[in-house]
PDB file of N, CA and C in Angstrom:
ATOM      1  N   MET A   1      21.505   8.321  18.678  1.00  0.00           N
ATOM      2  CA  MET A   1      20.299   8.677  19.552  1.00  0.00           C
ATOM      3  C   MET A   1      19.488   9.161  18.136  1.00  0.00           C
ATOM      4  N   LEU A   2      18.488   8.193  17.573  1.00  0.00           N
ATOM      5  CA  LEU A   2      18.005   8.354  16.466  1.00  0.00           C
ATOM      6  C   LEU A   2      16.371   9.585  16.771  1.00  0.00           C
ATOM      7  N   ASP A   3      16.576  10.065  15.808  1.00  0.00           N
ATOM      8  CA  ASP A   3      15.664  11.578  15.686  1.00  0.00           C
ATOM      9  C   ASP A   3      14.397  10.634  14.874  1.00  0.00           C
ATOM     10  N   ILE A   4      13.214  10.267  15.592  1.00  0.00           N
ATOM     11  CA  ILE A   4      12.365  10.011  15.060  1.00  0.00           C
ATOM     12  C   ILE A   4      11.393  10.985  14.334  1.00  0.00           C
ATOM     13  N   ASP A   5      10.767  11.179  13.480  1.00  0.00           N
ATOM     14  CA  ASP A   5       9.965  12.157  13.042  1.00  0.00           C
ATOM     15  C   ASP A   5       8.581  11.256  12.862  1.00  0.00           C
ATOM     16  N   GLU A   6       7.867  11.873  13.183  1.00  0.00           N
ATOM     17  CA  GLU A   6       5.837  11.348  13.046  1.00  0.00           C
ATOM     18  C   GLU A   6       5.394  11.878  12.027  1.00  0.00           C
ATOM     19  N   MET A   7       5.354  11.372  10.480  1.00  0.00           N
ATOM     20  CA  MET A   7       4.705  12.465  10.020  1.00  0.00           C
ATOM     21  C   MET A   7       3.086  12.795   9.475  1.00  0.00           C
ATOM     22  N   GLY A   8       2.241  14.168   9.925  1.00  0.00           N
ATOM     23  CA  GLY A   8       1.225  14.002  10.309  1.00  0.00           C
ATOM     24  C   GLY A   8       0.459  13.537   9.422  1.00  0.00           C
ATOM     25  N   GLN A   9      -0.848  13.688   9.258  1.00  0.00           N
ATOM     26  CA  GLN A   9      -2.216  13.238   7.965  1.00  0.00           C
ATOM     27  C   GLN A   9      -1.661  13.668   6.464  1.00  0.00           C
ATOM     28  N   LYS A  10      -1.145  15.637   6.819  1.00  0.00           N
ATOM     29  CA  LYS A  10      -1.350  16.255   5.407  1.00  0.00           C
ATOM     30  C   LYS A  10       0.183  15.934   5.166  1.00  0.00           C
ATOM     31  N   GLU A  11       0.864  15.607   5.514  1.00  0.00           N
ATOM     32  CA  GLU A  11       2.330  14.869   4.966  1.00  0.00           C
ATOM     33  C   GLU A  11       1.851  13.572   4.759  1.00  0.00           C
ATOM     34  N   ILE A  12       1.704  12.582   5.534  1.00  0.00           N
ATOM     35  CA  ILE A  12       1.294  10.995   4.659  1.00  0.00           C
ATOM     36  C   ILE A  12       0.384  11.831   3.547  1.00  0.00           C
ATOM     37  N   HIS A  13      -0.845  12.069   3.086  1.00  0.00           N
ATOM     38  CA  HIS A  13      -1.576  12.574   2.234  1.00  0.00           C
ATOM     39  C   HIS A  13      -0.785  12.927   0.626  1.00  0.00           C
ATOM     40  N   GLU A  14       0.118  14.313   0.760  1.00  0.00           N
ATOM     41  CA  GLU A  14       1.265  13.884   0.231  1.00  0.00           C
ATOM     42  C   GLU A  14       1.968  13.214  -0.521  1.00  0.00           C
ATOM     43  N   LEU A  15       2.626  12.253   0.592  1.00  0.00           N
ATOM     44  CA  LEU A  15       2.959  11.644   0.103  1.00  0.00           C
ATOM     45  C   LEU A  15       2.819  10.252  -0.757  1.00  0.00           C
ATOM     46  N   LEU A  16       1.400  10.088  -0.122  1.00  0.00           N
ATOM     47  CA  LEU A  16       0.675   8.848  -1.517  1.00  0.00           C
ATOM     48  C   LEU A  16       0.400  10.003  -2.803  1.00  0.00           C
ATOM     49  N   HIS A  17       0.336  10.348  -3.009  1.00  0.00           N
ATOM     50  CA  HIS A  17      -0.296  11.449  -3.967  1.00  0.00           C
ATOM     51  C   HIS A  17       1.247  11.512  -4.545  1.00  0.00           C
ATOM     52  N   LYS A  18       2.296  11.577  -4.497  1.00  0.00           N
ATOM     53  CA  LYS A  18       3.551  12.074  -4.805  1.00  0.00           C
ATOM     54  C   LYS A  18       4.505  10.333  -5.715  1.00  0.00           C
ATOM     55  N   VAL A  19       4.323   9.353  -4.894  1.00  0.00           N
ATOM     56  CA  VAL A  19       5.117   8.133  -5.122  1.00  0.00           C
ATOM     57  C   VAL A  19       4.048   7.195  -6.436  1.00  0.00           C
ATOM     58  N   GLY A  20       3.167   7.235  -5.617  1.00  0.00           N
ATOM     59  CA  GLY A  20       2.604   6.058  -6.298  1.00  0.00           C
ATOM     60  C   GLY A  20       2.236   4.282  -7.054  1.00  0.00           C
ATOM     61  N   TYR A  21       2.935   4.157  -6.132  1.00  0.00           N
ATOM     62  CA  TYR A  21       3.554   2.583  -6.280  1.00  0.00           C
ATOM     63  C   TYR A  21       3.740   2.464  -4.506  1.00  0.00           C
ATOM     64  N   GLY A  22       3.646   1.231  -4.320  1.00  0.00           N
ATOM     65  CA  GLY A  22       4.527   0.842  -3.152  1.00  0.00           C
ATOM     66  C   GLY A  22       4.132  -1.108  -2.968  1.00  0.00           C
ATOM     67  N   HIS A  23       3.821  -1.404  -1.747  1.00  0.00           N
ATOM     68  CA  HIS A  23       4.243  -2.788  -2.131  1.00  0.00           C
ATOM     69  C   HIS A  23       2.511  -3.449  -1.071  1.00  0.00           C
ATOM     70  N   LEU A  24       1.933  -4.162  -1.923  1.00  0.00           N
ATOM     71  CA  LEU A  24       0.922  -4.684  -1.144  1.00  0.00           C
ATOM     72  C   LEU A  24       0.860  -5.942  -0.935  1.00  0.00           C
ATOM     73  N   GLY A  25       0.030  -5.778   0.794  1.00  0.00           N
ATOM     74  CA  GLY A  25       0.848  -7.422   1.340  1.00  0.00           C
ATOM     75  C   GLY A  25      -0.731  -7.948   1.553  1.00  0.00           C
ATOM     76  N   CYS A  26      -0.359  -8.892   2.065  1.00  0.00           N
ATOM     77  CA  CYS A  26      -1.966  -9.652   1.938  1.00  0.00           C
ATOM     78  C   CYS A  26      -1.550 -10.944   2.375  1.00  0.00           C
ATOM     79  N   ILE A  27      -2.425 -11.843   3.163  1.00  0.00           N
ATOM     80  CA  ILE A  27      -1.799 -13.037   3.379  1.00  0.00           C
ATOM     81  C   ILE A  27      -2.940 -14.571   2.684  1.00  0.00           C
ATOM     82  N   GLY A  28      -2.225 -15.220   2.309  1.00  0.00           N
ATOM     83  CA  GLY A  28      -1.856 -16.648   1.912  1.00  0.00           C
ATOM     84  C   GLY A  28      -1.888 -17.665   2.191  1.00  0.00           C
ATOM     85  N   GLU A  29      -2.561 -18.240   2.460  1.00  0.00           N
ATOM     86  CA  GLU A  29      -2.381 -19.713   3.234  1.00  0.00           C
ATOM     87  C   GLU A  29      -0.996 -19.950   4.442  1.00  0.00           C
ATOM     88  N   GLY A  30      -1.548 -18.414   4.905  1.00  0.00           N
ATOM     89  CA  GLY A  30      -1.203 -18.343   6.782  1.00  0.00           C
ATOM     90  C   GLY A  30       0.568 -17.715   6.370  1.00  0.00           C
ATOM     91  N   TYR A  31       0.610 -17.623   5.184  1.00  0.00           N
ATOM     92  CA  TYR A  31       1.799 -16.873   5.168  1.00  0.00           C
ATOM     93  C   TYR A  31       1.694 -15.021   4.592  1.00  0.00           C
ATOM     94  N   PRO A  32       2.345 -14.188   4.763  1.00  0.00           N
ATOM     95  CA  PRO A  32       2.055 -12.823   4.419  1.00  0.00           C
ATOM     96  C   PRO A  32       2.628 -12.966   2.655  1.00  0.00           C
ATOM     97  N   TYR A  33       2.221 -11.973   1.934  1.00  0.00           N
ATOM     98  CA  TYR A  33       2.580 -12.093   0.313  1.00  0.00           C
ATOM     99  C   TYR A  33       2.552 -10.979   0.324  1.00  0.00           C
ATOM    100  N   ILE A  34       3.731 -10.685  -0.401  1.00  0.00           N
ATOM    101  CA  ILE A  34       3.934  -9.037  -0.699  1.00  0.00           C
ATOM    102  C   ILE A  34       4.184  -8.629  -2.305  1.00  0.00           C
ATOM    103  N   MET A  35       3.694  -8.008  -2.904  1.00  0.00           N
ATOM    104  CA  MET A  35       4.002  -7.568  -4.380  1.00  0.00           C
ATOM    105  C   MET A  35       4.109  -6.225  -4.724  1.00  0.00           C
ATOM    106  N   PRO A  36       5.012  -5.608  -5.094  1.00  0.00           N
ATOM    107  CA  PRO A  36       5.177  -4.338  -5.739  1.00  0.00           C
ATOM    108  C   PRO A  36       3.974  -3.634  -6.668  1.00  0.00           C
ATOM    109  N   MET A  37       3.505  -2.591  -6.291  1.00  0.00           N
ATOM    110  CA  MET A  37       2.139  -2.292  -6.971  1.00  0.00           C
ATOM    111  C   MET A  37       2.042  -0.902  -7.228  1.00  0.00           C
ATOM    112  N   HIS A  38       1.314  -0.282  -8.135  1.00  0.00           N
ATOM    113  CA  HIS A  38       0.978   0.506  -8.435  1.00  0.00           C
ATOM    114  C   HIS A  38      -0.149   1.306  -7.930  1.00  0.00           C
ATOM    115  N   TYR A  39      -0.707   1.791  -7.400  1.00  0.00           N
ATOM    116  CA  TYR A  39      -1.700   2.711  -6.985  1.00  0.00           C
ATOM    117  C   TYR A  39      -2.052   3.871  -7.445  1.00  0.00           C
ATOM    118  N   TYR A  40      -3.618   4.142  -7.394  1.00  0.00           N
ATOM    119  CA  TYR A  40      -4.134   5.320  -8.215  1.00  0.00           C
ATOM    120  C   TYR A  40      -4.987   6.018  -6.229  1.00  0.00           C
ATOM    121  N   LEU A  41      -4.304   7.187  -5.695  1.00  0.00           N
ATOM    122  CA  LEU A  41      -4.884   7.630  -4.660  1.00  0.00           C
ATOM    123  C   LEU A  41      -5.978   8.925  -5.163  1.00  0.00           C
ATOM    124  N   LYS A  42      -7.491   8.238  -4.634  1.00  0.00           N
ATOM    125  CA  LYS A  42      -8.345  10.067  -4.953  1.00  0.00           C
ATOM    126  C   LYS A  42      -9.461   9.392  -3.678  1.00  0.00           C
ATOM    127  N   ASP A  43      -9.273  11.072  -3.159  1.00  0.00           N
ATOM    128  CA  ASP A  43      -9.507  11.626  -2.022  1.00  0.00           C
ATOM    129  C   ASP A  43      -9.206  10.671  -0.817  1.00  0.00           C
ATOM    130  N   SER A  44      -9.774   9.428  -0.074  1.00  0.00           N
ATOM    131  CA  SER A  44      -9.055   8.591   0.806  1.00  0.00           C
ATOM    132  C   SER A  44      -9.334   7.488   0.579  1.00  0.00           C
ATOM    133  N   GLU A  45      -9.494   7.145  -0.939  1.00  0.00           N
ATOM    134  CA  GLU A  45      -9.541   5.490  -1.483  1.00  0.00           C
ATOM    135  C   GLU A  45      -8.352   5.055  -2.072  1.00  0.00           C
ATOM    136  N   ILE A  46      -7.673   4.157  -2.133  1.00  0.00           N
ATOM    137  CA  ILE A  46      -6.774   3.902  -2.995  1.00  0.00           C
ATOM    138  C   ILE A  46      -7.613   2.684  -3.733  1.00  0.00           C
ATOM    139  N   TYR A  47      -7.219   2.716  -4.792  1.00  0.00           N
ATOM    140  CA  TYR A  47      -7.094   2.402  -6.113  1.00  0.00           C
ATOM    141  C   TYR A  47      -6.223   1.451  -6.219  1.00  0.00           C
ATOM    142  N   ILE A  48      -6.239   0.068  -6.480  1.00  0.00           N
ATOM    143  CA  ILE A  48      -5.018  -0.734  -7.791  1.00  0.00           C
ATOM    144  C   ILE A  48      -5.526  -1.676  -8.451  1.00  0.00           C
ATOM    145  N   PHE A  49      -4.872  -1.687  -9.478  1.00  0.00           N
ATOM    146  CA  PHE A  49      -5.187  -2.346 -10.971  1.00  0.00           C
ATOM    147  C   PHE A  49      -4.285  -3.469 -10.916  1.00  0.00           C
ATOM    148  N   THR A  50      -4.741  -5.013 -11.299  1.00  0.00           N
ATOM    149  CA  THR A  50      -4.233  -6.368 -11.213  1.00  0.00           C
ATOM    150  C   THR A  50      -5.243  -7.157 -12.422  1.00  0.00           C
ATOM    151  N   THR A  51      -4.490  -8.030 -12.636  1.00  0.00           N
ATOM    152  CA  THR A  51      -4.916  -9.725 -13.085  1.00  0.00           C
ATOM    153  C   THR A  51      -5.660  -9.940 -12.079  1.00  0.00           C
ATOM    154  N   VAL A  52      -6.330 -11.352 -12.576  1.00  0.00           N
ATOM    155  CA  VAL A  52      -6.470 -12.619 -12.177  1.00  0.00           C
ATOM    156  C   VAL A  52      -4.872 -13.444 -12.007  1.00  0.00           C
ATOM    157  N   GLY A  53      -5.421 -13.224 -10.262  1.00  0.00           N
ATOM    158  CA  GLY A  53      -4.241 -14.237 -10.121  1.00  0.00           C
ATOM    159  C   GLY A  53      -3.762 -14.505  -8.538  1.00  0.00           C
ATOM    160  N   MET A  54      -2.860 -14.885  -7.865  1.00  0.00           N
ATOM    161  CA  MET A  54      -2.690 -15.153  -6.660  1.00  0.00           C
ATOM    162  C   MET A  54      -2.948 -14.428  -5.505  1.00  0.00           C
ATOM    163  N   LYS A  55      -2.933 -13.007  -6.290  1.00  0.00           N
ATOM    164  CA  LYS A  55      -3.089 -12.225  -5.082  1.00  0.00           C
ATOM    165  C   LYS A  55      -4.814 -11.356  -4.980  1.00  0.00           C
ATOM    166  N   THR A  56      -5.811 -11.922  -6.105  1.00  0.00           N
ATOM    167  CA  THR A  56      -6.572 -11.895  -6.025  1.00  0.00           C
ATOM    168  C   THR A  56      -7.269 -12.718  -5.346  1.00  0.00           C
ATOM    169  N   GLN A  57      -6.554 -14.198  -5.466  1.00  0.00           N
ATOM    170  CA  GLN A  57      -7.387 -15.382  -4.752  1.00  0.00           C
ATOM    171  C   GLN A  57      -6.955 -15.066  -3.179  1.00  0.00           C
ATOM    172  N   TYR A  58      -5.555 -14.375  -3.181  1.00  0.00           N
ATOM    173  CA  TYR A  58      -5.185 -14.411  -1.074  1.00  0.00           C
ATOM    174  C   TYR A  58      -6.653 -13.298  -1.095  1.00  0.00           C
ATOM    175  N   MET A  59      -6.596 -12.268  -1.911  1.00  0.00           N
ATOM    176  CA  MET A  59      -7.524 -10.638  -1.026  1.00  0.00           C
ATOM    177  C   MET A  59      -9.067 -11.299  -1.143  1.00  0.00           C
ATOM    178  N   ASP A  60      -9.785 -12.249  -1.839  1.00  0.00           N
ATOM    179  CA  ASP A  60     -11.054 -12.359  -1.856  1.00  0.00           C
ATOM    180  C   ASP A  60     -10.853 -13.275  -0.614  1.00  0.00           C
ATOM    181  N   ALA A  61      -9.985 -14.343  -0.648  1.00  0.00           N
ATOM    182  CA  ALA A  61     -10.478 -15.040   1.254  1.00  0.00           C
ATOM    183  C   ALA A  61     -10.279 -14.390   2.097  1.00  0.00           C
ATOM    184  N   ASN A  62      -9.268 -13.552   2.214  1.00  0.00           N
ATOM    185  CA  ASN A  62      -9.079 -12.369   3.459  1.00  0.00           C
ATOM    186  C   ASN A  62      -8.854 -11.433   2.997  1.00  0.00           C
ATOM    187  N   PRO A  63      -9.675 -10.295   3.247  1.00  0.00           N
ATOM    188  CA  PRO A  63      -9.660  -8.910   2.366  1.00  0.00           C
ATOM    189  C   PRO A  63      -8.928  -7.975   3.121  1.00  0.00           C
ATOM    190  N   LYS A  64      -8.490  -8.433   4.314  1.00  0.00           N
ATOM    191  CA  LYS A  64      -7.102  -7.109   5.047  1.00  0.00           C
ATOM    192  C   LYS A  64      -6.593  -7.379   4.465  1.00  0.00           C
ATOM    193  N   VAL A  65      -5.471  -6.689   4.458  1.00  0.00           N
ATOM    194  CA  VAL A  65      -4.343  -5.876   3.421  1.00  0.00           C
ATOM    195  C   VAL A  65      -3.802  -4.599   4.156  1.00  0.00           C
ATOM    196  N   CYS A  66      -3.084  -4.730   3.163  1.00  0.00           N
ATOM    197  CA  CYS A  66      -1.927  -3.417   4.184  1.00  0.00           C
ATOM    198  C   CYS A  66      -0.979  -3.191   2.566  1.00  0.00           C
ATOM    199  N   LEU A  67      -0.402  -1.819   2.587  1.00  0.00           N
ATOM    200  CA  LEU A  67      -0.151  -0.993   1.354  1.00  0.00           C
ATOM    201  C   LEU A  67       1.272   0.028   1.993  1.00  0.00           C
ATOM    202  N   GLN A  68       2.486  -0.783   1.673  1.00  0.00           N
ATOM    203  CA  GLN A  68       3.959   0.246   2.156  1.00  0.00           C
ATOM    204  C   GLN A  68       4.339   1.510   0.746  1.00  0.00           C
ATOM    205  N   ILE A  69       4.001   2.311   1.345  1.00  0.00           N
ATOM    206  CA  ILE A  69       4.959   3.027   0.572  1.00  0.00           C
ATOM    207  C   ILE A  69       6.180   4.351   0.849  1.00  0.00           C
ATOM    208  N   GLU A  70       6.877   3.835   0.193  1.00  0.00           N
ATOM    209  CA  GLU A  70       8.488   4.842   0.869  1.00  0.00           C
ATOM    210  C   GLU A  70       9.134   5.174  -0.418  1.00  0.00           C
ATOM    211  N   GLU A  71       9.753   6.127  -0.447  1.00  0.00           N
ATOM    212  CA  GLU A  71      10.637   7.372  -0.832  1.00  0.00           C
ATOM    213  C   GLU A  71      11.825   7.866   0.111  1.00  0.00           C
ATOM    214  N   VAL A  72      12.808   7.153  -0.462  1.00  0.00           N
ATOM    215  CA  VAL A  72      14.190   6.925  -0.475  1.00  0.00           C
ATOM    216  C   VAL A  72      15.006   8.023  -0.937  1.00  0.00           C
ATOM    217  N   HIS A  73      15.784   8.915  -0.438  1.00  0.00           N
ATOM    218  CA  HIS A  73      16.705   9.855  -0.978  1.00  0.00           C
ATOM    219  C   HIS A  73      17.803   9.040  -0.688  1.00  0.00           C
ATOM    220  N   ASP A  74      18.560   8.376   0.504  1.00  0.00           N
ATOM    221  CA  ASP A  74      19.908   7.855   0.883  1.00  0.00           C
ATOM    222  C   ASP A  74      19.871   7.276   1.793  1.00  0.00           C
ATOM    223  N   ARG A  75      20.631   6.482   2.442  1.00  0.00           N
ATOM    224  CA  ARG A  75      20.360   6.021   3.845  1.00  0.00           C
ATOM    225  C   ARG A  75      19.634   6.521   4.823  1.00  0.00           C
ATOM    226  N   VAL A  76      20.393   7.956   5.001  1.00  0.00           N
ATOM    227  CA  VAL A  76      20.017   8.818   6.286  1.00  0.00           C
ATOM    228  C   VAL A  76      18.255   9.271   6.209  1.00  0.00           C
ATOM    229  N   HIS A  77      18.208   9.680   4.581  1.00  0.00           N
ATOM    230  CA  HIS A  77      16.582  10.250   4.474  1.00  0.00           C
ATOM    231  C   HIS A  77      15.552   9.870   3.614  1.00  0.00           C
ATOM    232  N   TRP A  78      15.398   9.459   4.202  1.00  0.00           N
ATOM    233  CA  TRP A  78      13.636   8.189   3.726  1.00  0.00           C
ATOM    234  C   TRP A  78      12.746   8.087   4.611  1.00  0.00           C
ATOM    235  N   ARG A  79      11.333   8.013   4.225  1.00  0.00           N
ATOM    236  CA  ARG A  79       9.853   8.009   4.797  1.00  0.00           C
ATOM    237  C   ARG A  79       9.110   7.072   4.835  1.00  0.00           C
ATOM    238  N   SER A  80       8.557   6.614   4.934  1.00  0.00           N
ATOM    239  CA  SER A  80       7.499   5.214   4.397  1.00  0.00           C
ATOM    240  C   SER A  80       6.180   5.726   5.260  1.00  0.00           C
ATOM    241  N   VAL A  81       5.052   5.114   4.719  1.00  0.00           N
ATOM    242  CA  VAL A  81       3.904   4.686   4.912  1.00  0.00           C
ATOM    243  C   VAL A  81       3.323   3.831   5.131  1.00  0.00           C
ATOM    244  N   VAL A  82       2.714   3.154   5.643  1.00  0.00           N
ATOM    245  CA  VAL A  82       1.693   1.593   6.034  1.00  0.00           C
ATOM    246  C   VAL A  82       0.404   2.380   6.006  1.00  0.00           C
ATOM    247  N   VAL A  83      -0.382   1.566   5.221  1.00  0.00           N
ATOM    248  CA  VAL A  83      -1.952   1.961   4.897  1.00  0.00           C
ATOM    249  C   VAL A  83      -2.459   0.425   5.249  1.00  0.00           C
ATOM    250  N   ASN A  84      -3.227   0.636   6.082  1.00  0.00           N
ATOM    251  CA  ASN A  84      -4.081  -0.753   6.859  1.00  0.00           C
ATOM    252  C   ASN A  84      -5.513  -0.462   6.079  1.00  0.00           C
ATOM    253  N   GLY A  85      -6.205  -1.878   5.546  1.00  0.00           N
ATOM    254  CA  GLY A  85      -7.208  -1.510   4.695  1.00  0.00           C
ATOM    255  C   GLY A  85      -7.829  -2.765   4.275  1.00  0.00           C
ATOM    256  N   ARG A  86      -9.254  -3.051   4.409  1.00  0.00           N
ATOM    257  CA  ARG A  86     -10.104  -3.851   3.275  1.00  0.00           C
ATOM    258  C   ARG A  86      -9.740  -3.906   1.653  1.00  0.00           C
ATOM    259  N   ALA A  87      -9.539  -5.091   1.582  1.00  0.00           N
ATOM    260  CA  ALA A  87      -9.375  -5.493  -0.161  1.00  0.00           C
ATOM    261  C   ALA A  87     -11.275  -5.027  -1.013  1.00  0.00           C
ATOM    262  N   GLU A  88     -11.397  -4.827  -1.611  1.00  0.00           N
ATOM    263  CA  GLU A  88     -13.116  -4.592  -2.437  1.00  0.00           C
ATOM    264  C   GLU A  88     -12.399  -4.766  -3.788  1.00  0.00           C
ATOM    265  N   ARG A  89     -12.774  -5.755  -4.407  1.00  0.00           N
ATOM    266  CA  ARG A  89     -13.137  -6.021  -5.878  1.00  0.00           C
ATOM    267  C   ARG A  89     -13.669  -5.127  -7.059  1.00  0.00           C
ATOM    268  N   LEU A  90     -14.189  -3.908  -7.615  1.00  0.00           N
ATOM    269  CA  LEU A  90     -14.556  -3.966  -8.106  1.00  0.00           C
ATOM    270  C   LEU A  90     -14.250  -4.322 -10.114  1.00  0.00           C
ATOM    271  N   THR A  91     -15.207  -3.739 -10.104  1.00  0.00           N
ATOM    272  CA  THR A  91     -15.227  -4.553 -12.058  1.00  0.00           C
ATOM    273  C   THR A  91     -16.152  -3.501 -12.574  1.00  0.00           C
ATOM    274  N   GLU A  92     -15.548  -3.877 -13.829  1.00  0.00           N
ATOM    275  CA  GLU A  92     -16.394  -2.308 -15.211  1.00  0.00           C
ATOM    276  C   GLU A  92     -17.681  -3.543 -15.280  1.00  0.00           C
ATOM    277  N   GLN A  93     -18.544  -2.257 -15.589  1.00  0.00           N
ATOM    278  CA  GLN A  93     -19.873  -2.979 -15.767  1.00  0.00           C
ATOM    279  C   GLN A  93     -20.423  -1.894 -16.950  1.00  0.00           C
TER     280      GLN A  93
END
């Protein structure tokens, strides 16, 4: 029997602040596209930095994305969070 412990909002926020990297998922040409990505969390906004390429093309076409963050200590002690949202391109002004 598995002991499943859901994280509360405070614990999720702490994990997001602690880890700083995850896997960004988007849809491209009808298929999921996932890549490792560093991120910065400020308040409730998640910022990622990337150069122009396949992922930016996919996010421009479909801004629905997810970011999966995990903290693994060993095979039994780990936790993860999936954050769903919409990508918005920010450029320097």
